[in-house]
């Protein structure tokens, strides 16, 4: 899945597969997670949020099924 860079202290990049409603997030820790059954509106909300991290914790974290895809070296 193609991800785009985001301006966030906790995330490096995010991507969205509209066909399968999958949100993919690369965190600065180096972990990449996929969140399932995420509506497109939530992805758009994440991209447009004044604070991406706050939006993530309020609307995505623990709200959707998730799996870790990979663990990469941490990125600063």
PDB file of N, CA and C in Angstrom:
ATOM      1  N   UNK A   1       0.852  -1.174   0.000  1.00  0.00           N
ATOM      2  CA  UNK A   1       0.000   0.000   0.000  1.00  0.00           C
ATOM      3  C   UNK A   1       0.896   1.234   0.000  1.00  0.00           C
ATOM      4  N   UNK A   2       0.557   2.178  -0.829  1.00  0.00           N
ATOM      5  CA  UNK A   2       1.320   3.419  -0.900  1.00  0.00           C
ATOM      6  C   UNK A   2       0.898   4.328   0.251  1.00  0.00           C
ATOM      7  N   UNK A   3       1.895   4.800   1.002  1.00  0.00           N
ATOM      8  CA  UNK A   3       1.633   5.730   2.100  1.00  0.00           C
ATOM      9  C   UNK A   3       2.177   7.105   1.753  1.00  0.00           C
ATOM     10  N   UNK A   4       1.589   8.121   2.372  1.00  0.00           N
ATOM     11  CA  UNK A   4       2.069   9.492   2.182  1.00  0.00           C
ATOM     12  C   UNK A   4       2.618  10.009   3.501  1.00  0.00           C
ATOM     13  N   UNK A   5       3.666  10.824   3.437  1.00  0.00           N
ATOM     14  CA  UNK A   5       4.226  11.381   4.667  1.00  0.00           C
ATOM     15  C   UNK A   5       3.219  12.304   5.357  1.00  0.00           C
ATOM     16  N   UNK A   6       3.284  12.338   6.685  1.00  0.00           N
ATOM     17  CA  UNK A   6       2.437  13.247   7.461  1.00  0.00           C
ATOM     18  C   UNK A   6       3.304  14.039   8.424  1.00  0.00           C
ATOM     19  N   UNK A   7       2.819  15.211   8.801  1.00  0.00           N
ATOM     20  CA  UNK A   7       3.512  16.082   9.742  1.00  0.00           C
ATOM     21  C   UNK A   7       3.004  15.742  11.142  1.00  0.00           C
ATOM     22  N   UNK A   8       3.693  14.832  11.800  1.00  0.00           N
ATOM     23  CA  UNK A   8       3.255  14.341  13.100  1.00  0.00           C
ATOM     24  C   UNK A   8       4.461  13.915  13.917  1.00  0.00           C
ATOM     25  N   UNK A   9       4.390  14.127  15.217  1.00  0.00           N
ATOM     26  CA  UNK A   9       5.491  13.695  16.080  1.00  0.00           C
ATOM     27  C   UNK A   9       5.434  12.197  16.364  1.00  0.00           C
ATOM     28  N   UNK A  10       4.294  11.547  16.074  1.00  0.00           N
ATOM     29  CA  UNK A  10       4.188  10.114  16.363  1.00  0.00           C
ATOM     30  C   UNK A  10       4.117   9.232  15.127  1.00  0.00           C
ATOM     31  N   UNK A  11       3.803   9.809  13.965  1.00  0.00           N
ATOM     32  CA  UNK A  11       3.667   9.027  12.732  1.00  0.00           C
ATOM     33  C   UNK A  11       4.590   9.557  11.648  1.00  0.00           C
ATOM     34  N   UNK A  12       5.019   8.629  10.788  1.00  0.00           N
ATOM     35  CA  UNK A  12       5.850   8.983   9.634  1.00  0.00           C
ATOM     36  C   UNK A  12       4.985   9.103   8.390  1.00  0.00           C
ATOM     37  N   UNK A  13       4.088   8.108   8.197  1.00  0.00           N
ATOM     38  CA  UNK A  13       3.277   8.089   6.980  1.00  0.00           C
ATOM     39  C   UNK A  13       1.982   7.326   7.213  1.00  0.00           C
ATOM     40  N   UNK A  14       1.006   7.617   6.347  1.00  0.00           N
ATOM     41  CA  UNK A  14      -0.288   6.930   6.400  1.00  0.00           C
ATOM     42  C   UNK A  14      -0.732   6.607   4.975  1.00  0.00           C
ATOM     43  N   UNK A  15      -1.485   5.527   4.843  1.00  0.00           N
ATOM     44  CA  UNK A  15      -2.043   5.145   3.547  1.00  0.00           C
ATOM     45  C   UNK A  15      -3.429   4.578   3.752  1.00  0.00           C
ATOM     46  N   UNK A  16      -4.197   4.547   2.668  1.00  0.00           N
ATOM     47  CA  UNK A  16      -5.560   4.043   2.756  1.00  0.00           C
ATOM     48  C   UNK A  16      -5.915   3.256   1.512  1.00  0.00           C
ATOM     49  N   UNK A  17      -6.460   2.069   1.715  1.00  0.00           N
ATOM     50  CA  UNK A  17      -6.967   1.224   0.636  1.00  0.00           C
ATOM     51  C   UNK A  17      -8.489   1.335   0.673  1.00  0.00           C
ATOM     52  N   UNK A  18      -9.056   2.138  -0.218  1.00  0.00           N
ATOM     53  CA  UNK A  18     -10.498   2.393  -0.217  1.00  0.00           C
ATOM     54  C   UNK A  18     -11.305   1.148  -0.577  1.00  0.00           C
ATOM     55  N   UNK A  19     -10.766   0.288  -1.404  1.00  0.00           N
ATOM     56  CA  UNK A  19     -11.470  -0.930  -1.802  1.00  0.00           C
ATOM     57  C   UNK A  19     -11.735  -1.849  -0.617  1.00  0.00           C
ATOM     58  N   UNK A  20     -10.758  -1.925   0.295  1.00  0.00           N
ATOM     59  CA  UNK A  20     -10.873  -2.828   1.436  1.00  0.00           C
ATOM     60  C   UNK A  20     -11.044  -2.108   2.778  1.00  0.00           C
ATOM     61  N   UNK A  21     -11.111  -0.782   2.748  1.00  0.00           N
ATOM     62  CA  UNK A  21     -11.265   0.043   3.962  1.00  0.00           C
ATOM     63  C   UNK A  21     -10.172  -0.240   4.987  1.00  0.00           C
ATOM     64  N   UNK A  22      -8.921  -0.261   4.493  1.00  0.00           N
ATOM     65  CA  UNK A  22      -7.771  -0.516   5.358  1.00  0.00           C
ATOM     66  C   UNK A  22      -6.932   0.754   5.478  1.00  0.00           C
ATOM     67  N   UNK A  23      -6.669   1.138   6.708  1.00  0.00           N
ATOM     68  CA  UNK A  23      -5.792   2.260   7.009  1.00  0.00           C
ATOM     69  C   UNK A  23      -4.458   1.693   7.462  1.00  0.00           C
ATOM     70  N   UNK A  24      -3.369   2.156   6.871  1.00  0.00           N
ATOM     71  CA  UNK A  24      -2.043   1.696   7.252  1.00  0.00           C
ATOM     72  C   UNK A  24      -1.255   2.876   7.791  1.00  0.00           C
ATOM     73  N   UNK A  25      -0.634   2.689   8.950  1.00  0.00           N
ATOM     74  CA  UNK A  25       0.105   3.763   9.600  1.00  0.00           C
ATOM     75  C   UNK A  25       1.510   3.286   9.947  1.00  0.00           C
ATOM     76  N   UNK A  26       2.509   4.084   9.569  1.00  0.00           N
ATOM     77  CA  UNK A  26       3.889   3.851   9.987  1.00  0.00           C
ATOM     78  C   UNK A  26       4.182   4.837  11.116  1.00  0.00           C
ATOM     79  N   UNK A  27       4.500   4.296  12.284  1.00  0.00           N
ATOM     80  CA  UNK A  27       4.814   5.117  13.448  1.00  0.00           C
ATOM     81  C   UNK A  27       6.310   5.391  13.522  1.00  0.00           C
ATOM     82  N   UNK A  28       6.686   6.438  14.197  1.00  0.00           N
ATOM     83  CA  UNK A  28       8.105   6.791  14.343  1.00  0.00           C
ATOM     84  C   UNK A  28       8.877   5.707  15.087  1.00  0.00           C
ATOM     85  N   UNK A  29       8.188   4.885  15.836  1.00  0.00           N
ATOM     86  CA  UNK A  29       8.817   3.761  16.543  1.00  0.00           C
ATOM     87  C   UNK A  29       9.359   2.719  15.570  1.00  0.00           C
ATOM     88  N   UNK A  30       8.912   2.797  14.304  1.00  0.00           N
ATOM     89  CA  UNK A  30       9.307   1.821  13.291  1.00  0.00           C
ATOM     90  C   UNK A  30       8.250   0.769  13.038  1.00  0.00           C
ATOM     91  N   UNK A  31       7.195   0.738  13.850  1.00  0.00           N
ATOM     92  CA  UNK A  31       6.116  -0.228  13.648  1.00  0.00           C
ATOM     93  C   UNK A  31       5.137   0.257  12.585  1.00  0.00           C
ATOM     94  N   UNK A  32       4.669  -0.679  11.774  1.00  0.00           N
ATOM     95  CA  UNK A  32       3.645  -0.400  10.776  1.00  0.00           C
ATOM     96  C   UNK A  32       2.424  -1.238  11.132  1.00  0.00           C
ATOM     97  N   UNK A  33       1.278  -0.570  11.254  1.00  0.00           N
ATOM     98  CA  UNK A  33       0.034  -1.252  11.619  1.00  0.00           C
ATOM     99  C   UNK A  33      -1.014  -1.039  10.537  1.00  0.00           C
ATOM    100  N   UNK A  34      -1.880  -2.033  10.376  1.00  0.00           N
ATOM    101  CA  UNK A  34      -3.050  -1.926   9.501  1.00  0.00           C
ATOM    102  C   UNK A  34      -4.303  -1.994  10.365  1.00  0.00           C
ATOM    103  N   UNK A  35      -5.193  -1.040  10.117  1.00  0.00           N
ATOM    104  CA  UNK A  35      -6.481  -0.962  10.812  1.00  0.00           C
ATOM    105  C   UNK A  35      -7.563  -1.297   9.795  1.00  0.00           C
ATOM    106  N   UNK A  36      -8.472  -2.203  10.161  1.00  0.00           N
ATOM    107  CA  UNK A  36      -9.462  -2.725   9.228  1.00  0.00           C
ATOM    108  C   UNK A  36     -10.841  -2.124   9.464  1.00  0.00           C
ATOM    109  N   UNK A  37     -11.633  -2.062   8.390  1.00  0.00           N
ATOM    110  CA  UNK A  37     -13.013  -1.545   8.409  1.00  0.00           C
ATOM    111  C   UNK A  37     -13.057  -0.075   8.799  1.00  0.00           C
ATOM    112  N   UNK A  38     -12.040   0.678   8.380  1.00  0.00           N
ATOM    113  CA  UNK A  38     -11.972   2.106   8.674  1.00  0.00           C
ATOM    114  C   UNK A  38     -12.668   2.876   7.549  1.00  0.00           C
ATOM    115  N   UNK A  39     -13.697   3.657   7.858  1.00  0.00           N
ATOM    116  CA  UNK A  39     -14.364   4.445   6.817  1.00  0.00           C
ATOM    117  C   UNK A  39     -13.422   5.489   6.211  1.00  0.00           C
ATOM    118  N   UNK A  40     -13.642   5.784   4.960  1.00  0.00           N
ATOM    119  CA  UNK A  40     -12.842   6.803   4.269  1.00  0.00           C
ATOM    120  C   UNK A  40     -12.904   8.133   5.004  1.00  0.00           C
ATOM    121  N   UNK A  41     -14.049   8.451   5.584  1.00  0.00           N
ATOM    122  CA  UNK A  41     -14.201   9.722   6.309  1.00  0.00           C
ATOM    123  C   UNK A  41     -13.247   9.809   7.501  1.00  0.00           C
ATOM    124  N   UNK A  42     -12.951   8.678   8.129  1.00  0.00           N
ATOM    125  CA  UNK A  42     -12.010   8.675   9.246  1.00  0.00           C
ATOM    126  C   UNK A  42     -10.593   8.923   8.726  1.00  0.00           C
ATOM    127  N   UNK A  43     -10.240   8.316   7.604  1.00  0.00           N
ATOM    128  CA  UNK A  43      -8.934   8.575   6.991  1.00  0.00           C
ATOM    129  C   UNK A  43      -8.800  10.051   6.629  1.00  0.00           C
ATOM    130  N   UNK A  44      -9.822  10.621   6.019  1.00  0.00           N
ATOM    131  CA  UNK A  44      -9.791  12.036   5.660  1.00  0.00           C
ATOM    132  C   UNK A  44      -9.693  12.912   6.911  1.00  0.00           C
ATOM    133  N   UNK A  45     -10.414  12.526   7.948  1.00  0.00           N
ATOM    134  CA  UNK A  45     -10.342  13.262   9.208  1.00  0.00           C
ATOM    135  C   UNK A  45      -8.939  13.249   9.783  1.00  0.00           C
ATOM    136  N   UNK A  46      -8.265  12.102   9.688  1.00  0.00           N
ATOM    137  CA  UNK A  46      -6.890  11.991  10.164  1.00  0.00           C
ATOM    138  C   UNK A  46      -5.982  12.949   9.399  1.00  0.00           C
ATOM    139  N   UNK A  47      -6.107  12.956   8.083  1.00  0.00           N
ATOM    140  CA  UNK A  47      -5.259  13.829   7.254  1.00  0.00           C
ATOM    141  C   UNK A  47      -5.521  15.309   7.519  1.00  0.00           C
ATOM    142  N   UNK A  48      -6.762  15.660   7.844  1.00  0.00           N
ATOM    143  CA  UNK A  48      -7.134  17.066   8.022  1.00  0.00           C
ATOM    144  C   UNK A  48      -7.068  17.548   9.460  1.00  0.00           C
ATOM    145  N   UNK A  49      -6.728  16.664  10.375  1.00  0.00           N
ATOM    146  CA  UNK A  49      -6.734  17.015  11.793  1.00  0.00           C
ATOM    147  C   UNK A  49      -5.635  18.024  12.137  1.00  0.00           C
ATOM    148  N   UNK A  50      -5.954  18.939  13.039  1.00  0.00           N
ATOM    149  CA  UNK A  50      -4.957  19.884  13.529  1.00  0.00           C
ATOM    150  C   UNK A  50      -3.853  19.129  14.271  1.00  0.00           C
ATOM    151  N   UNK A  51      -4.227  18.068  14.983  1.00  0.00           N
ATOM    152  CA  UNK A  51      -3.271  17.192  15.659  1.00  0.00           C
ATOM    153  C   UNK A  51      -3.569  15.755  15.233  1.00  0.00           C
ATOM    154  N   UNK A  52      -2.711  15.213  14.400  1.00  0.00           N
ATOM    155  CA  UNK A  52      -2.905  13.851  13.904  1.00  0.00           C
ATOM    156  C   UNK A  52      -2.880  12.849  15.058  1.00  0.00           C
ATOM    157  N   UNK A  53      -1.967  13.034  15.989  1.00  0.00           N
ATOM    158  CA  UNK A  53      -1.872  12.127  17.131  1.00  0.00           C
ATOM    159  C   UNK A  53      -3.123  12.142  17.988  1.00  0.00           C
ATOM    160  N   UNK A  54      -3.653  13.334  18.259  1.00  0.00           N
ATOM    161  CA  UNK A  54      -4.873  13.442  19.055  1.00  0.00           C
ATOM    162  C   UNK A  54      -6.053  12.790  18.338  1.00  0.00           C
ATOM    163  N   UNK A  55      -6.155  13.022  17.025  1.00  0.00           N
ATOM    164  CA  UNK A  55      -7.224  12.407  16.238  1.00  0.00           C
ATOM    165  C   UNK A  55      -7.102  10.887  16.284  1.00  0.00           C
ATOM    166  N   UNK A  56      -5.883  10.390  16.127  1.00  0.00           N
ATOM    167  CA  UNK A  56      -5.651   8.949  16.170  1.00  0.00           C
ATOM    168  C   UNK A  56      -6.157   8.359  17.483  1.00  0.00           C
ATOM    169  N   UNK A  57      -5.760   8.958  18.598  1.00  0.00           N
ATOM    170  CA  UNK A  57      -6.157   8.421  19.903  1.00  0.00           C
ATOM    171  C   UNK A  57      -7.666   8.530  20.136  1.00  0.00           C
ATOM    172  N   UNK A  58      -8.290   9.565  19.618  1.00  0.00           N
ATOM    173  CA  UNK A  58      -9.726   9.769  19.840  1.00  0.00           C
ATOM    174  C   UNK A  58     -10.610   8.936  18.913  1.00  0.00           C
ATOM    175  N   UNK A  59     -10.147   8.657  17.692  1.00  0.00           N
ATOM    176  CA  UNK A  59     -11.036   8.065  16.684  1.00  0.00           C
ATOM    177  C   UNK A  59     -10.581   6.738  16.074  1.00  0.00           C
ATOM    178  N   UNK A  60      -9.319   6.356  16.263  1.00  0.00           N
ATOM    179  CA  UNK A  60      -8.812   5.156  15.593  1.00  0.00           C
ATOM    180  C   UNK A  60      -8.281   4.126  16.588  1.00  0.00           C
ATOM    181  N   UNK A  61      -7.412   4.547  17.484  1.00  0.00           N
ATOM    182  CA  UNK A  61      -6.803   3.641  18.449  1.00  0.00           C
ATOM    183  C   UNK A  61      -7.875   2.912  19.248  1.00  0.00           C
ATOM    184  N   UNK A  62      -7.823   1.607  19.232  1.00  0.00           N
ATOM    185  CA  UNK A  62      -8.763   0.727  19.948  1.00  0.00           C
ATOM    186  C   UNK A  62     -10.190   0.758  19.397  1.00  0.00           C
ATOM    187  N   UNK A  63     -10.393   1.411  18.252  1.00  0.00           N
ATOM    188  CA  UNK A  63     -11.739   1.466  17.665  1.00  0.00           C
ATOM    189  C   UNK A  63     -11.916   0.472  16.514  1.00  0.00           C
ATOM    190  N   UNK A  64     -10.809  -0.021  15.940  1.00  0.00           N
ATOM    191  CA  UNK A  64     -10.872  -0.900  14.770  1.00  0.00           C
ATOM    192  C   UNK A  64      -9.961  -2.103  14.975  1.00  0.00           C
ATOM    193  N   UNK A  65     -10.298  -3.222  14.329  1.00  0.00           N
ATOM    194  CA  UNK A  65      -9.386  -4.372  14.370  1.00  0.00           C
ATOM    195  C   UNK A  65      -8.037  -3.963  13.777  1.00  0.00           C
ATOM    196  N   UNK A  66      -6.960  -4.459  14.356  1.00  0.00           N
ATOM    197  CA  UNK A  66      -5.627  -4.019  13.946  1.00  0.00           C
ATOM    198  C   UNK A  66      -4.657  -5.189  13.925  1.00  0.00           C
ATOM    199  N   UNK A  67      -3.651  -5.084  13.052  1.00  0.00           N
ATOM    200  CA  UNK A  67      -2.549  -6.043  13.058  1.00  0.00           C
ATOM    201  C   UNK A  67      -1.256  -5.303  12.765  1.00  0.00           C
ATOM    202  N   UNK A  68      -0.160  -5.760  13.392  1.00  0.00           N
ATOM    203  CA  UNK A  68       1.136  -5.194  13.079  1.00  0.00           C
ATOM    204  C   UNK A  68       1.632  -5.859  11.793  1.00  0.00           C
ATOM    205  N   UNK A  69       2.042  -5.038  10.840  1.00  0.00           N
ATOM    206  CA  UNK A  69       2.513  -5.539   9.555  1.00  0.00           C
ATOM    207  C   UNK A  69       4.012  -5.786   9.597  1.00  0.00           C
ATOM    208  N   UNK A  70       4.756  -4.852  10.192  1.00  0.00           N
ATOM    209  CA  UNK A  70       6.202  -5.013  10.271  1.00  0.00           C
ATOM    210  C   UNK A  70       6.753  -4.087  11.330  1.00  0.00           C
ATOM    211  N   UNK A  71       7.970  -4.388  11.701  1.00  0.00           N
ATOM    212  CA  UNK A  71       8.694  -3.550  12.644  1.00  0.00           C
ATOM    213  C   UNK A  71       9.996  -3.150  11.972  1.00  0.00           C
ATOM    214  N   UNK A  72      10.176  -1.863  11.769  1.00  0.00           N
ATOM    215  CA  UNK A  72      11.358  -1.323  11.115  1.00  0.00           C
ATOM    216  C   UNK A  72      12.190  -0.584  12.155  1.00  0.00           C
ATOM    217  N   UNK A  73      13.447  -0.233  11.841  1.00  0.00           N
ATOM    218  CA  UNK A  73      14.197   0.610  12.771  1.00  0.00           C
ATOM    219  C   UNK A  73      13.455   1.932  12.990  1.00  0.00           C
ATOM    220  N   UNK A  74      13.488   2.436  14.206  1.00  0.00           N
ATOM    221  CA  UNK A  74      12.798   3.690  14.535  1.00  0.00           C
ATOM    222  C   UNK A  74      13.295   4.818  13.642  1.00  0.00           C
ATOM    223  N   UNK A  75      12.364   5.713  13.294  1.00  0.00           N
ATOM    224  CA  UNK A  75      12.694   6.875  12.455  1.00  0.00           C
ATOM    225  C   UNK A  75      12.452   8.131  13.256  1.00  0.00           C
ATOM    226  N   UNK A  76      13.382   9.053  13.195  1.00  0.00           N
ATOM    227  CA  UNK A  76      13.271  10.307  13.955  1.00  0.00           C
ATOM    228  C   UNK A  76      12.634  11.319  13.159  1.00  0.00           C
TER     229      UNK A  76
END
